[in-house]
């Protein structure tokens, strides 16, 4: 299973930056996330190696999350070029998007009893859900995307 950011030293650095960085630092965060993603794909224990060995690979995020979370901080050209690079190396066979209302998500976040991070505020959750739904609707391989609505 692959996470974004990864559990590597670079991924931990990115996690720290994401929680404290100002908006003007987001392009740097995007580049670091892209480097982390490329390591996960091309590394000696990466996605491609595992696929070549016939293993099933699960990722909790893919290039769509870069579009949704870092898309506001870079040009469309740079964002699309970066994501095409990732997609050219390895594409998904099936994508599950668990569509949970921002209100339910926010209630879960509040129940953790931890500090609510910038991207976890209700306004951001609403914005990011809308972006995910838009990005997924624009995906050319719609037959490979399963949207699951969480009702609670």
N, C-alpha and C. Protein backbone atom coordinates (compact mmCIF):
# COMPACT_ATOMS: atom_id res chain seq x y z
N UNK A 1 0.85 -1.18 0.00
CA UNK A 1 0.00 0.00 0.00
C UNK A 1 0.90 1.24 0.00
N UNK A 2 0.56 2.18 -0.82
CA UNK A 2 1.32 3.42 -0.94
C UNK A 2 0.45 4.58 -0.45
N UNK A 3 1.04 5.47 0.31
CA UNK A 3 0.33 6.64 0.84
C UNK A 3 0.94 7.90 0.25
N UNK A 4 0.22 8.99 0.35
CA UNK A 4 0.74 10.27 -0.12
C UNK A 4 0.49 11.32 0.94
N UNK A 5 1.53 11.96 1.41
CA UNK A 5 2.94 11.66 1.18
C UNK A 5 3.32 10.28 1.72
N UNK A 6 4.48 9.80 1.28
CA UNK A 6 4.94 8.47 1.69
C UNK A 6 5.37 8.48 3.15
N UNK A 7 5.75 7.32 3.63
CA UNK A 7 6.24 7.20 5.00
C UNK A 7 7.76 7.40 5.08
N UNK A 8 8.37 7.74 3.95
CA UNK A 8 9.83 7.96 3.90
C UNK A 8 10.20 9.25 4.64
N UNK A 9 11.51 9.48 4.76
CA UNK A 9 11.99 10.72 5.37
C UNK A 9 11.47 11.94 4.60
N UNK A 10 11.47 11.85 3.26
CA UNK A 10 10.94 12.94 2.44
C UNK A 10 9.45 13.13 2.72
N UNK A 11 8.70 12.05 2.78
CA UNK A 11 7.28 12.13 3.07
C UNK A 11 6.99 12.76 4.42
N UNK A 12 7.79 12.43 5.42
CA UNK A 12 7.61 13.02 6.75
C UNK A 12 7.90 14.52 6.72
N UNK A 13 8.94 14.89 5.98
CA UNK A 13 9.27 16.31 5.81
C UNK A 13 8.11 17.05 5.15
N UNK A 14 7.54 16.44 4.12
CA UNK A 14 6.40 17.05 3.41
C UNK A 14 5.22 17.21 4.36
N UNK A 15 4.93 16.17 5.14
CA UNK A 15 3.82 16.26 6.09
C UNK A 15 3.98 17.44 7.03
N UNK A 16 5.18 17.64 7.53
CA UNK A 16 5.44 18.77 8.42
C UNK A 16 5.24 20.09 7.70
N UNK A 17 5.73 20.18 6.47
CA UNK A 17 5.59 21.41 5.68
C UNK A 17 4.14 21.73 5.36
N UNK A 18 3.36 20.70 5.03
CA UNK A 18 1.98 20.93 4.63
C UNK A 18 1.16 21.57 5.74
N UNK A 19 1.52 21.28 6.97
CA UNK A 19 0.74 21.79 8.10
C UNK A 19 1.15 23.18 8.53
N UNK A 20 2.31 23.63 8.12
CA UNK A 20 2.77 24.95 8.58
C UNK A 20 3.09 25.92 7.45
N UNK A 21 3.17 25.45 6.24
CA UNK A 21 3.58 26.30 5.13
C UNK A 21 2.53 27.35 4.81
N UNK A 22 3.03 28.50 4.42
CA UNK A 22 2.15 29.56 3.92
C UNK A 22 1.80 29.27 2.48
N UNK A 23 0.81 29.95 1.96
CA UNK A 23 0.38 29.72 0.59
C UNK A 23 1.51 29.89 -0.42
N UNK A 24 2.41 30.84 -0.18
CA UNK A 24 3.48 31.07 -1.15
C UNK A 24 4.48 29.91 -1.18
N UNK A 25 4.44 29.02 -0.20
CA UNK A 25 5.32 27.85 -0.17
C UNK A 25 4.70 26.65 -0.87
N UNK A 26 3.49 26.76 -1.33
CA UNK A 26 2.78 25.60 -1.85
C UNK A 26 3.37 25.06 -3.14
N UNK A 27 3.97 25.89 -3.97
CA UNK A 27 4.62 25.38 -5.17
C UNK A 27 5.79 24.46 -4.79
N UNK A 28 6.55 24.85 -3.78
CA UNK A 28 7.63 24.00 -3.29
C UNK A 28 7.05 22.68 -2.78
N UNK A 29 5.94 22.76 -2.04
CA UNK A 29 5.29 21.54 -1.55
C UNK A 29 4.86 20.64 -2.70
N UNK A 30 4.33 21.24 -3.75
CA UNK A 30 3.91 20.48 -4.93
C UNK A 30 5.10 19.73 -5.53
N UNK A 31 6.22 20.41 -5.68
CA UNK A 31 7.41 19.79 -6.27
C UNK A 31 7.92 18.66 -5.37
N UNK A 32 7.89 18.88 -4.05
CA UNK A 32 8.31 17.82 -3.12
C UNK A 32 7.36 16.63 -3.19
N UNK A 33 6.06 16.89 -3.27
CA UNK A 33 5.09 15.79 -3.39
C UNK A 33 5.29 15.02 -4.69
N UNK A 34 5.59 15.73 -5.77
CA UNK A 34 5.85 15.08 -7.04
C UNK A 34 7.10 14.21 -6.95
N UNK A 35 8.15 14.72 -6.31
CA UNK A 35 9.38 13.93 -6.13
C UNK A 35 9.10 12.68 -5.29
N UNK A 36 8.30 12.84 -4.26
CA UNK A 36 7.92 11.71 -3.41
C UNK A 36 7.14 10.68 -4.22
N UNK A 37 6.20 11.15 -5.03
CA UNK A 37 5.40 10.26 -5.86
C UNK A 37 6.28 9.51 -6.87
N UNK A 38 7.23 10.21 -7.48
CA UNK A 38 8.11 9.57 -8.46
C UNK A 38 8.98 8.50 -7.78
N UNK A 39 9.42 8.75 -6.56
CA UNK A 39 10.18 7.75 -5.81
C UNK A 39 9.32 6.53 -5.55
N UNK A 40 8.06 6.76 -5.21
CA UNK A 40 7.16 5.63 -4.97
C UNK A 40 6.92 4.82 -6.25
N UNK A 41 6.92 5.48 -7.37
CA UNK A 41 6.67 4.79 -8.63
C UNK A 41 7.93 4.08 -9.13
N UNK A 42 9.07 4.79 -9.13
CA UNK A 42 10.29 4.29 -9.77
C UNK A 42 11.28 3.62 -8.83
N UNK A 43 11.10 3.77 -7.53
CA UNK A 43 12.08 3.27 -6.56
C UNK A 43 12.23 1.75 -6.58
N UNK A 44 13.27 1.28 -5.90
CA UNK A 44 13.56 -0.16 -5.89
C UNK A 44 12.43 -0.97 -5.26
N UNK A 45 11.62 -0.37 -4.42
CA UNK A 45 10.45 -1.03 -3.85
C UNK A 45 9.17 -0.36 -4.33
N UNK A 46 9.27 0.27 -5.50
CA UNK A 46 8.19 1.09 -6.00
C UNK A 46 7.08 0.34 -6.70
N UNK A 47 6.11 1.10 -7.14
CA UNK A 47 4.91 0.57 -7.77
C UNK A 47 5.25 -0.26 -9.01
N UNK A 48 6.12 0.26 -9.87
CA UNK A 48 6.46 -0.45 -11.10
C UNK A 48 7.09 -1.80 -10.79
N UNK A 49 8.03 -1.84 -9.85
CA UNK A 49 8.67 -3.11 -9.48
C UNK A 49 7.63 -4.11 -8.98
N UNK A 50 6.72 -3.65 -8.14
CA UNK A 50 5.69 -4.54 -7.61
C UNK A 50 4.75 -5.04 -8.70
N UNK A 51 4.39 -4.16 -9.63
CA UNK A 51 3.53 -4.58 -10.74
C UNK A 51 4.25 -5.61 -11.62
N UNK A 52 5.54 -5.39 -11.85
CA UNK A 52 6.33 -6.33 -12.66
C UNK A 52 6.39 -7.71 -12.00
N UNK A 53 6.30 -7.74 -10.68
CA UNK A 53 6.32 -9.00 -9.94
C UNK A 53 4.92 -9.61 -9.81
N UNK A 54 3.94 -8.99 -10.46
CA UNK A 54 2.58 -9.52 -10.45
C UNK A 54 1.78 -9.20 -9.20
N UNK A 55 2.25 -8.27 -8.41
CA UNK A 55 1.56 -7.92 -7.17
C UNK A 55 0.44 -6.92 -7.42
N UNK A 56 -0.54 -6.95 -6.55
CA UNK A 56 -1.61 -5.96 -6.57
C UNK A 56 -1.12 -4.75 -5.78
N UNK A 57 -1.27 -3.58 -6.35
CA UNK A 57 -0.79 -2.35 -5.71
C UNK A 57 -1.99 -1.46 -5.35
N UNK A 58 -2.03 -1.03 -4.10
CA UNK A 58 -3.07 -0.12 -3.63
C UNK A 58 -2.44 1.21 -3.25
N UNK A 59 -3.04 2.29 -3.67
CA UNK A 59 -2.58 3.64 -3.32
C UNK A 59 -3.75 4.37 -2.68
N UNK A 60 -3.51 5.06 -1.58
CA UNK A 60 -4.62 5.79 -0.97
C UNK A 60 -4.86 7.13 -1.66
N UNK A 61 -3.96 7.55 -2.49
CA UNK A 61 -4.15 8.75 -3.34
C UNK A 61 -3.34 8.53 -4.61
N UNK A 62 -3.75 9.23 -5.67
CA UNK A 62 -2.99 9.14 -6.91
C UNK A 62 -2.84 10.55 -7.43
N UNK A 63 -2.64 10.73 -8.72
CA UNK A 63 -2.36 12.07 -9.22
C UNK A 63 -3.53 13.03 -9.06
N UNK A 64 -4.72 12.52 -8.88
CA UNK A 64 -5.88 13.39 -8.68
C UNK A 64 -5.72 14.27 -7.44
N UNK A 65 -5.11 13.71 -6.41
CA UNK A 65 -4.95 14.49 -5.18
C UNK A 65 -3.99 15.67 -5.38
N UNK A 66 -2.99 15.51 -6.24
CA UNK A 66 -2.11 16.65 -6.54
C UNK A 66 -2.89 17.77 -7.23
N UNK A 67 -3.79 17.39 -8.12
CA UNK A 67 -4.60 18.40 -8.81
C UNK A 67 -5.49 19.13 -7.80
N UNK A 68 -6.13 18.37 -6.93
CA UNK A 68 -7.09 18.95 -5.98
C UNK A 68 -6.39 19.81 -4.93
N UNK A 69 -5.32 19.30 -4.36
CA UNK A 69 -4.71 20.01 -3.23
C UNK A 69 -3.65 21.03 -3.62
N UNK A 70 -2.91 20.80 -4.69
CA UNK A 70 -1.87 21.75 -5.07
C UNK A 70 -2.20 22.51 -6.34
N UNK A 71 -3.31 22.24 -6.96
CA UNK A 71 -3.66 22.85 -8.24
C UNK A 71 -3.84 24.36 -8.19
N UNK A 72 -4.18 24.88 -7.03
CA UNK A 72 -4.37 26.33 -6.91
C UNK A 72 -3.05 27.09 -6.87
N UNK A 73 -1.96 26.38 -6.70
CA UNK A 73 -0.69 27.04 -6.44
C UNK A 73 0.32 26.91 -7.56
N UNK A 74 -0.11 26.41 -8.71
CA UNK A 74 0.80 26.26 -9.83
C UNK A 74 0.02 26.47 -11.13
N UNK A 75 0.74 26.63 -12.20
CA UNK A 75 0.08 26.83 -13.49
C UNK A 75 -0.54 25.52 -13.96
N UNK A 76 -1.58 25.63 -14.77
CA UNK A 76 -2.21 24.44 -15.33
C UNK A 76 -1.21 23.64 -16.15
N UNK A 77 -0.35 24.33 -16.89
CA UNK A 77 0.64 23.65 -17.72
C UNK A 77 1.56 22.78 -16.87
N UNK A 78 2.10 23.34 -15.79
CA UNK A 78 3.01 22.61 -14.92
C UNK A 78 2.27 21.45 -14.25
N UNK A 79 1.07 21.71 -13.77
CA UNK A 79 0.27 20.69 -13.10
C UNK A 79 -0.05 19.54 -14.06
N UNK A 80 -0.53 19.87 -15.25
CA UNK A 80 -0.89 18.83 -16.22
C UNK A 80 0.33 18.06 -16.70
N UNK A 81 1.43 18.77 -16.97
CA UNK A 81 2.66 18.09 -17.40
C UNK A 81 3.14 17.09 -16.35
N UNK A 82 3.11 17.52 -15.11
CA UNK A 82 3.56 16.66 -14.01
C UNK A 82 2.67 15.44 -13.88
N UNK A 83 1.38 15.64 -13.98
CA UNK A 83 0.46 14.52 -13.83
C UNK A 83 0.50 13.58 -15.03
N UNK A 84 0.72 14.12 -16.24
CA UNK A 84 0.87 13.24 -17.40
C UNK A 84 2.12 12.39 -17.27
N UNK A 85 3.18 12.96 -16.68
CA UNK A 85 4.40 12.19 -16.44
C UNK A 85 4.09 11.00 -15.54
N UNK A 86 3.38 11.24 -14.45
CA UNK A 86 3.01 10.16 -13.53
C UNK A 86 2.13 9.14 -14.26
N UNK A 87 1.12 9.63 -14.97
CA UNK A 87 0.17 8.75 -15.64
C UNK A 87 0.85 7.94 -16.74
N UNK A 88 1.85 8.52 -17.41
CA UNK A 88 2.57 7.78 -18.46
C UNK A 88 3.40 6.64 -17.87
N UNK A 89 3.87 6.83 -16.66
CA UNK A 89 4.68 5.78 -16.02
C UNK A 89 3.81 4.63 -15.52
N UNK A 90 2.72 4.98 -14.87
CA UNK A 90 1.83 3.96 -14.31
C UNK A 90 0.44 4.58 -14.17
N UNK A 91 -0.53 3.91 -14.72
CA UNK A 91 -1.90 4.39 -14.65
C UNK A 91 -2.71 3.45 -13.77
N UNK A 92 -3.81 3.93 -13.26
CA UNK A 92 -4.62 3.10 -12.40
C UNK A 92 -5.52 2.17 -13.22
N UNK A 93 -5.79 0.99 -12.65
CA UNK A 93 -6.72 0.05 -13.27
C UNK A 93 -8.14 0.33 -12.79
N UNK A 94 -8.23 0.75 -11.54
CA UNK A 94 -9.53 1.01 -10.93
C UNK A 94 -9.34 2.04 -9.84
N UNK A 95 -10.22 3.01 -9.78
CA UNK A 95 -10.14 4.05 -8.78
C UNK A 95 -11.46 4.08 -8.02
N UNK A 96 -11.36 3.96 -6.69
CA UNK A 96 -12.52 4.10 -5.82
C UNK A 96 -12.44 5.46 -5.16
N UNK A 97 -13.49 6.23 -5.28
CA UNK A 97 -13.56 7.52 -4.59
C UNK A 97 -14.69 7.42 -3.58
N UNK A 98 -14.34 7.46 -2.31
CA UNK A 98 -15.32 7.42 -1.24
C UNK A 98 -15.80 8.84 -1.00
N UNK A 99 -17.02 9.12 -1.41
CA UNK A 99 -17.59 10.46 -1.35
C UNK A 99 -18.36 10.62 -0.03
N UNK A 100 -17.69 11.26 0.92
CA UNK A 100 -18.28 11.51 2.23
C UNK A 100 -18.59 13.00 2.33
N UNK A 101 -19.76 13.33 2.83
CA UNK A 101 -20.10 14.74 2.93
C UNK A 101 -19.09 15.45 3.82
N UNK A 102 -18.78 16.69 3.50
CA UNK A 102 -17.83 17.44 4.33
C UNK A 102 -18.27 17.55 5.79
N UNK A 103 -19.57 17.60 6.02
CA UNK A 103 -20.07 17.71 7.39
C UNK A 103 -19.77 16.45 8.20
N UNK A 104 -19.97 15.28 7.57
CA UNK A 104 -19.65 14.02 8.25
C UNK A 104 -18.14 13.92 8.48
N UNK A 105 -17.37 14.26 7.45
CA UNK A 105 -15.91 14.23 7.58
C UNK A 105 -15.45 15.13 8.71
N UNK A 106 -16.01 16.33 8.77
CA UNK A 106 -15.62 17.28 9.82
C UNK A 106 -15.97 16.74 11.20
N UNK A 107 -17.11 16.09 11.31
CA UNK A 107 -17.49 15.53 12.62
C UNK A 107 -16.50 14.45 13.05
N UNK A 108 -16.00 13.64 12.10
CA UNK A 108 -15.00 12.63 12.42
C UNK A 108 -13.70 13.29 12.87
N UNK A 109 -13.31 14.35 12.17
CA UNK A 109 -12.08 15.07 12.51
C UNK A 109 -12.18 15.62 13.92
N UNK A 110 -13.31 16.22 14.25
CA UNK A 110 -13.50 16.82 15.58
C UNK A 110 -13.44 15.76 16.68
N UNK A 111 -13.94 14.57 16.40
CA UNK A 111 -13.95 13.49 17.39
C UNK A 111 -12.56 12.98 17.72
N UNK A 112 -11.57 13.24 16.85
CA UNK A 112 -10.20 12.80 17.12
C UNK A 112 -9.62 13.50 18.33
N UNK A 113 -10.12 14.72 18.60
CA UNK A 113 -9.59 15.48 19.72
C UNK A 113 -8.22 16.07 19.47
N UNK A 114 -7.83 16.20 18.20
CA UNK A 114 -6.53 16.77 17.83
C UNK A 114 -6.75 18.15 17.23
N UNK A 115 -5.66 18.86 17.04
CA UNK A 115 -5.73 20.17 16.40
C UNK A 115 -6.26 19.99 14.97
N UNK A 116 -7.18 20.85 14.59
CA UNK A 116 -7.74 20.80 13.24
C UNK A 116 -6.78 21.55 12.32
N UNK A 117 -6.26 20.84 11.33
CA UNK A 117 -5.28 21.41 10.42
C UNK A 117 -5.97 22.27 9.37
N UNK A 118 -5.17 23.06 8.67
CA UNK A 118 -5.69 24.02 7.68
C UNK A 118 -6.61 23.36 6.66
N UNK A 119 -6.21 22.23 6.11
CA UNK A 119 -7.00 21.56 5.08
C UNK A 119 -8.20 20.80 5.64
N UNK A 120 -8.34 20.77 6.97
CA UNK A 120 -9.43 20.03 7.59
C UNK A 120 -10.59 20.92 8.04
N UNK A 121 -10.47 22.21 7.80
CA UNK A 121 -11.56 23.12 8.15
C UNK A 121 -12.74 22.86 7.21
N UNK A 122 -13.95 23.06 7.70
CA UNK A 122 -15.16 22.71 6.93
C UNK A 122 -15.17 23.38 5.56
N UNK A 123 -14.74 24.65 5.48
CA UNK A 123 -14.74 25.35 4.19
C UNK A 123 -13.81 24.65 3.19
N UNK A 124 -12.65 24.22 3.68
CA UNK A 124 -11.69 23.53 2.82
C UNK A 124 -12.22 22.16 2.40
N UNK A 125 -12.88 21.47 3.32
CA UNK A 125 -13.44 20.16 2.99
C UNK A 125 -14.49 20.27 1.90
N UNK A 126 -15.33 21.29 1.99
CA UNK A 126 -16.36 21.52 0.97
C UNK A 126 -15.69 21.82 -0.38
N UNK A 127 -14.71 22.70 -0.35
CA UNK A 127 -13.99 23.08 -1.58
C UNK A 127 -13.30 21.88 -2.22
N UNK A 128 -12.61 21.08 -1.41
CA UNK A 128 -11.85 19.95 -1.95
C UNK A 128 -12.78 18.86 -2.49
N UNK A 129 -13.91 18.63 -1.84
CA UNK A 129 -14.87 17.65 -2.35
C UNK A 129 -15.37 18.08 -3.73
N UNK A 130 -15.71 19.35 -3.87
CA UNK A 130 -16.18 19.85 -5.17
C UNK A 130 -15.11 19.68 -6.24
N UNK A 131 -13.85 19.96 -5.88
CA UNK A 131 -12.75 19.82 -6.84
C UNK A 131 -12.55 18.36 -7.22
N UNK A 132 -12.60 17.45 -6.24
CA UNK A 132 -12.45 16.03 -6.55
C UNK A 132 -13.53 15.59 -7.53
N UNK A 133 -14.78 15.96 -7.26
CA UNK A 133 -15.87 15.54 -8.15
C UNK A 133 -15.69 16.11 -9.55
N UNK A 134 -15.20 17.36 -9.65
CA UNK A 134 -14.93 17.96 -10.97
C UNK A 134 -13.80 17.24 -11.68
N UNK A 135 -12.69 17.01 -10.96
CA UNK A 135 -11.52 16.36 -11.56
C UNK A 135 -11.88 14.95 -12.02
N UNK A 136 -12.63 14.22 -11.22
CA UNK A 136 -13.01 12.86 -11.60
C UNK A 136 -13.97 12.86 -12.79
N UNK A 137 -14.84 13.87 -12.86
CA UNK A 137 -15.78 13.94 -13.99
C UNK A 137 -15.05 14.26 -15.29
N UNK A 138 -13.87 14.88 -15.20
CA UNK A 138 -13.09 15.22 -16.38
C UNK A 138 -12.12 14.11 -16.79
N UNK A 139 -12.02 13.07 -15.99
CA UNK A 139 -11.10 11.97 -16.26
C UNK A 139 -11.55 11.24 -17.53
N UNK A 140 -10.61 10.92 -18.40
CA UNK A 140 -10.96 10.27 -19.67
C UNK A 140 -11.37 8.81 -19.49
N UNK A 141 -10.89 8.17 -18.43
CA UNK A 141 -11.19 6.76 -18.19
C UNK A 141 -12.31 6.60 -17.16
N UNK A 142 -13.45 7.22 -17.43
CA UNK A 142 -14.55 7.23 -16.46
C UNK A 142 -15.02 5.82 -16.08
N UNK A 143 -14.90 4.87 -17.00
CA UNK A 143 -15.37 3.52 -16.70
C UNK A 143 -14.51 2.84 -15.63
N UNK A 144 -13.34 3.40 -15.35
CA UNK A 144 -12.45 2.84 -14.33
C UNK A 144 -12.62 3.51 -12.97
N UNK A 145 -13.58 4.43 -12.85
CA UNK A 145 -13.78 5.18 -11.62
C UNK A 145 -15.11 4.78 -10.99
N UNK A 146 -15.05 4.38 -9.75
CA UNK A 146 -16.25 4.04 -8.99
C UNK A 146 -16.39 5.04 -7.87
N UNK A 147 -17.46 5.81 -7.89
CA UNK A 147 -17.74 6.75 -6.81
C UNK A 147 -18.72 6.08 -5.86
N UNK A 148 -18.32 6.01 -4.60
CA UNK A 148 -19.15 5.37 -3.58
C UNK A 148 -19.61 6.47 -2.62
N UNK A 149 -20.91 6.65 -2.52
CA UNK A 149 -21.47 7.68 -1.64
C UNK A 149 -21.64 7.11 -0.24
N UNK A 150 -21.02 7.78 0.71
CA UNK A 150 -21.12 7.37 2.12
C UNK A 150 -22.31 8.09 2.73
N UNK A 151 -23.23 7.32 3.24
CA UNK A 151 -24.41 7.91 3.90
C UNK A 151 -24.38 7.48 5.35
N UNK A 152 -24.53 8.44 6.23
CA UNK A 152 -24.49 8.11 7.65
C UNK A 152 -25.48 8.97 8.40
